[in-house]
C-alpha atoms as a PDB file:
ATOM      1  CA  MET A   1       0.000   0.000   0.000  1.00  0.00           C
ATOM      2  CA  SER A   2       1.127   3.476  -0.544  1.00  0.00           C
ATOM      3  CA  ILE A   3       0.283   7.104   0.044  1.00  0.00           C
ATOM      4  CA  GLU A   4       1.524   9.863  -2.259  1.00  0.00           C
ATOM      5  CA  LYS A   5       1.265  13.489  -1.101  1.00  0.00           C
ATOM      6  CA  ASN A   6       1.387  16.372  -3.574  1.00  0.00           C
ATOM      7  CA  TYR A   7       1.357  19.811  -1.911  1.00  0.00           C
ATOM      8  CA  LEU A   8       0.073  22.596  -4.144  1.00  0.00           C
ATOM      9  CA  LYS A   9       2.260  25.688  -4.399  1.00  0.00           C
ATOM     10  CA  SER A  10      -0.644  28.061  -5.059  1.00  0.00           C
ATOM     11  CA  LYS A  11      -2.820  27.171  -2.021  1.00  0.00           C
ATOM     12  CA  PRO A  12      -2.550  25.333   1.309  1.00  0.00           C
ATOM     13  CA  ILE A  13      -3.953  22.134  -0.172  1.00  0.00           C
ATOM     14  CA  CYS A  14      -2.459  18.680  -0.514  1.00  0.00           C
ATOM     15  CA  LYS A  15      -3.683  16.087  -2.977  1.00  0.00           C
ATOM     16  CA  VAL A  16      -3.272  12.677  -1.376  1.00  0.00           C
ATOM     17  CA  LYS A  17      -3.290   9.578  -3.549  1.00  0.00           C
ATOM     18  CA  PHE A  18      -4.214   6.369  -1.726  1.00  0.00           C
ATOM     19  CA  ILE A  19      -2.981   3.236  -3.497  1.00  0.00           C
ATOM     20  CA  LEU A  20      -3.746  -0.435  -2.895  1.00  0.00           C
ATOM     21  CA  PRO A  21      -1.166  -2.425  -4.920  1.00  0.00           C
ATOM     22  CA  LYS A  22      -2.324  -5.194  -7.218  1.00  0.00           C
ATOM     23  CA  GLN A  23      -0.521  -7.779  -5.059  1.00  0.00           C
ATOM     24  CA  ARG A  24      -2.824  -6.907  -2.127  1.00  0.00           C
ATOM     25  CA  ALA A  25      -5.888  -6.705  -4.380  1.00  0.00           C
ATOM     26  CA  GLU A  26      -5.741 -10.172  -5.956  1.00  0.00           C
ATOM     27  CA  GLY A  27      -9.240 -11.616  -6.092  1.00  0.00           C
ATOM     28  CA  ILE A  28     -10.752  -8.323  -4.872  1.00  0.00           C
ATOM     29  CA  LYS A  29     -13.562  -6.764  -6.908  1.00  0.00           C
ATOM     30  CA  GLN A  30     -14.129  -3.491  -5.007  1.00  0.00           C
ATOM     31  CA  VAL A  31     -11.994  -1.269  -2.824  1.00  0.00           C
ATOM     32  CA  HIS A  32     -13.359   1.710  -0.877  1.00  0.00           C
ATOM     33  CA  LEU A  33     -11.637   4.315   1.272  1.00  0.00           C
ATOM     34  CA  VAL A  34     -13.437   5.158   4.509  1.00  0.00           C
ATOM     35  CA  GLY A  35     -12.344   7.470   7.308  1.00  0.00           C
ATOM     36  CA  THR A  36     -12.829  10.563   9.398  1.00  0.00           C
ATOM     37  CA  PHE A  37     -12.977  12.691   6.233  1.00  0.00           C
ATOM     38  CA  ASN A  38     -16.417  11.151   5.524  1.00  0.00           C
ATOM     39  CA  ASP A  39     -17.410  10.389   9.148  1.00  0.00           C
ATOM     40  CA  TRP A  40     -16.814   6.648   8.522  1.00  0.00           C
ATOM     41  CA  ASP A  41     -19.995   6.652   6.403  1.00  0.00           C
ATOM     42  CA  LEU A  42     -19.986   3.496   4.267  1.00  0.00           C
ATOM     43  CA  GLU A  43     -22.580   5.049   1.948  1.00  0.00           C
ATOM     44  CA  ALA A  44     -20.177   7.918   1.227  1.00  0.00           C
ATOM     45  CA  ALA A  45     -17.076   5.703   0.947  1.00  0.00           C
ATOM     46  CA  MET A  46     -14.673   6.767  -1.810  1.00  0.00           C
ATOM     47  CA  PRO A  47     -14.245   3.991  -4.397  1.00  0.00           C
ATOM     48  CA  LEU A  48     -10.702   3.304  -5.539  1.00  0.00           C
ATOM     49  CA  ARG A  49     -10.496   2.795  -9.286  1.00  0.00           C
ATOM     50  CA  LYS A  50      -8.533  -0.027 -10.847  1.00  0.00           C
ATOM     51  CA  GLN A  51      -5.535   1.337 -12.738  1.00  0.00           C
ATOM     52  CA  LYS A  52      -3.895  -0.095 -15.872  1.00  0.00           C
ATOM     53  CA  THR A  53      -1.134  -1.409 -13.585  1.00  0.00           C
ATOM     54  CA  GLY A  54      -3.679  -3.456 -11.612  1.00  0.00           C
ATOM     55  CA  ASP A  55      -3.342  -1.183  -8.571  1.00  0.00           C
ATOM     56  CA  TYR A  56      -6.425   0.494  -7.087  1.00  0.00           C
ATOM     57  CA  ALA A  57      -6.160   4.244  -6.431  1.00  0.00           C
ATOM     58  CA  ALA A  58      -8.108   7.356  -5.428  1.00  0.00           C
ATOM     59  CA  THR A  59      -7.033  10.938  -4.817  1.00  0.00           C
ATOM     60  CA  LEU A  60      -8.532  13.294  -2.237  1.00  0.00           C
ATOM     61  CA  SER A  61      -7.719  16.926  -1.464  1.00  0.00           C
ATOM     62  CA  PHE A  62      -7.088  18.032   2.125  1.00  0.00           C
ATOM     63  CA  SER A  63      -6.130  21.320   3.771  1.00  0.00           C
ATOM     64  CA  VAL A  64      -2.591  21.529   5.091  1.00  0.00           C
ATOM     65  CA  GLY A  65      -2.558  20.894   8.847  1.00  0.00           C
ATOM     66  CA  GLU A  66      -5.303  18.255   8.816  1.00  0.00           C
ATOM     67  CA  GLN A  67      -4.923  14.637   9.822  1.00  0.00           C
ATOM     68  CA  HIS A  68      -7.346  11.822   9.144  1.00  0.00           C
ATOM     69  CA  GLU A  69      -7.895   8.262  10.283  1.00  0.00           C
ATOM     70  CA  PHE A  70      -8.778   5.855   7.489  1.00  0.00           C
ATOM     71  CA  ARG A  71      -8.971   2.239   6.358  1.00  0.00           C
ATOM     72  CA  TYR A  72      -9.575   0.382   3.113  1.00  0.00           C
ATOM     73  CA  LEU A  73     -12.728  -1.730   2.825  1.00  0.00           C
ATOM     74  CA  LEU A  74     -12.276  -4.671   0.438  1.00  0.00           C
ATOM     75  CA  ASP A  75     -15.391  -6.167  -1.167  1.00  0.00           C
ATOM     76  CA  GLY A  76     -17.525  -4.624   1.581  1.00  0.00           C
ATOM     77  CA  GLU A  77     -16.237  -7.118   4.157  1.00  0.00           C
ATOM     78  CA  GLN A  78     -12.514  -6.978   4.893  1.00  0.00           C
ATOM     79  CA  TRP A  79     -10.845  -3.968   6.532  1.00  0.00           C
ATOM     80  CA  GLU A  80      -7.178  -3.213   5.772  1.00  0.00           C
ATOM     81  CA  ASN A  81      -4.733  -0.613   7.017  1.00  0.00           C
ATOM     82  CA  ASP A  82      -2.139   1.119   4.873  1.00  0.00           C
ATOM     83  CA  GLU A  83       1.409  -0.057   5.602  1.00  0.00           C
ATOM     84  CA  MET A  84       2.724   3.391   4.653  1.00  0.00           C
ATOM     85  CA  ALA A  85       0.449   5.377   6.992  1.00  0.00           C
ATOM     86  CA  ASP A  86       2.097   8.145   9.015  1.00  0.00           C
ATOM     87  CA  TYR A  87       1.051   6.327  12.185  1.00  0.00           C
ATOM     88  CA  TYR A  88      -1.765   4.245  13.707  1.00  0.00           C
ATOM     89  CA  VAL A  89      -4.322   4.836  16.452  1.00  0.00           C
ATOM     90  CA  PRO A  90      -6.667   2.443  18.273  1.00  0.00           C
ATOM     91  CA  SER A  91     -10.069   2.080  16.653  1.00  0.00           C
ATOM     92  CA  HIS A  92     -13.061   3.136  18.731  1.00  0.00           C
ATOM     93  CA  VAL A  93     -15.197   0.279  17.390  1.00  0.00           C
ATOM     94  CA  SER A  94     -12.864  -2.730  17.434  1.00  0.00           C
ATOM     95  CA  ARG A  95      -9.573  -3.995  18.824  1.00  0.00           C
ATOM     96  CA  GLU A  96      -7.816  -3.093  15.605  1.00  0.00           C
ATOM     97  CA  GLU A  97      -6.011   0.122  14.709  1.00  0.00           C
ATOM     98  CA  ASN A  98      -6.788   2.776  12.109  1.00  0.00           C
ATOM     99  CA  SER A  99      -4.251   4.222   9.701  1.00  0.00           C
ATOM    100  CA  VAL A 100      -3.571   7.958   9.995  1.00  0.00           C
ATOM    101  CA  VAL A 101      -2.406  10.380   7.307  1.00  0.00           C
ATOM    102  CA  ILE A 102      -0.971  13.755   8.347  1.00  0.00           C
ATOM    103  CA  ILE A 103      -1.171  16.631   5.890  1.00  0.00           C
END
């Protein structure tokens, strides 16, 4: 998994690309990004699109100074963290941890 941050020079915005590599997505049909940026709302989950490389990816824009907890939801059933997250925090709904991205 991977996170790419692209800070804009013209405004205090960062475009963050969330990537689930094809090796982690074998046999997976859908990948969604869920987190504090959408209040963990599964209905508003951001779908990651399959790339030509076989990776799944989505890009979101955040204001500089923000931080967000997030996880990937695979096929609506399996939750995954991002190995390249800035750090992890305990989840408030399970014994697992959530990934965190700092902008």
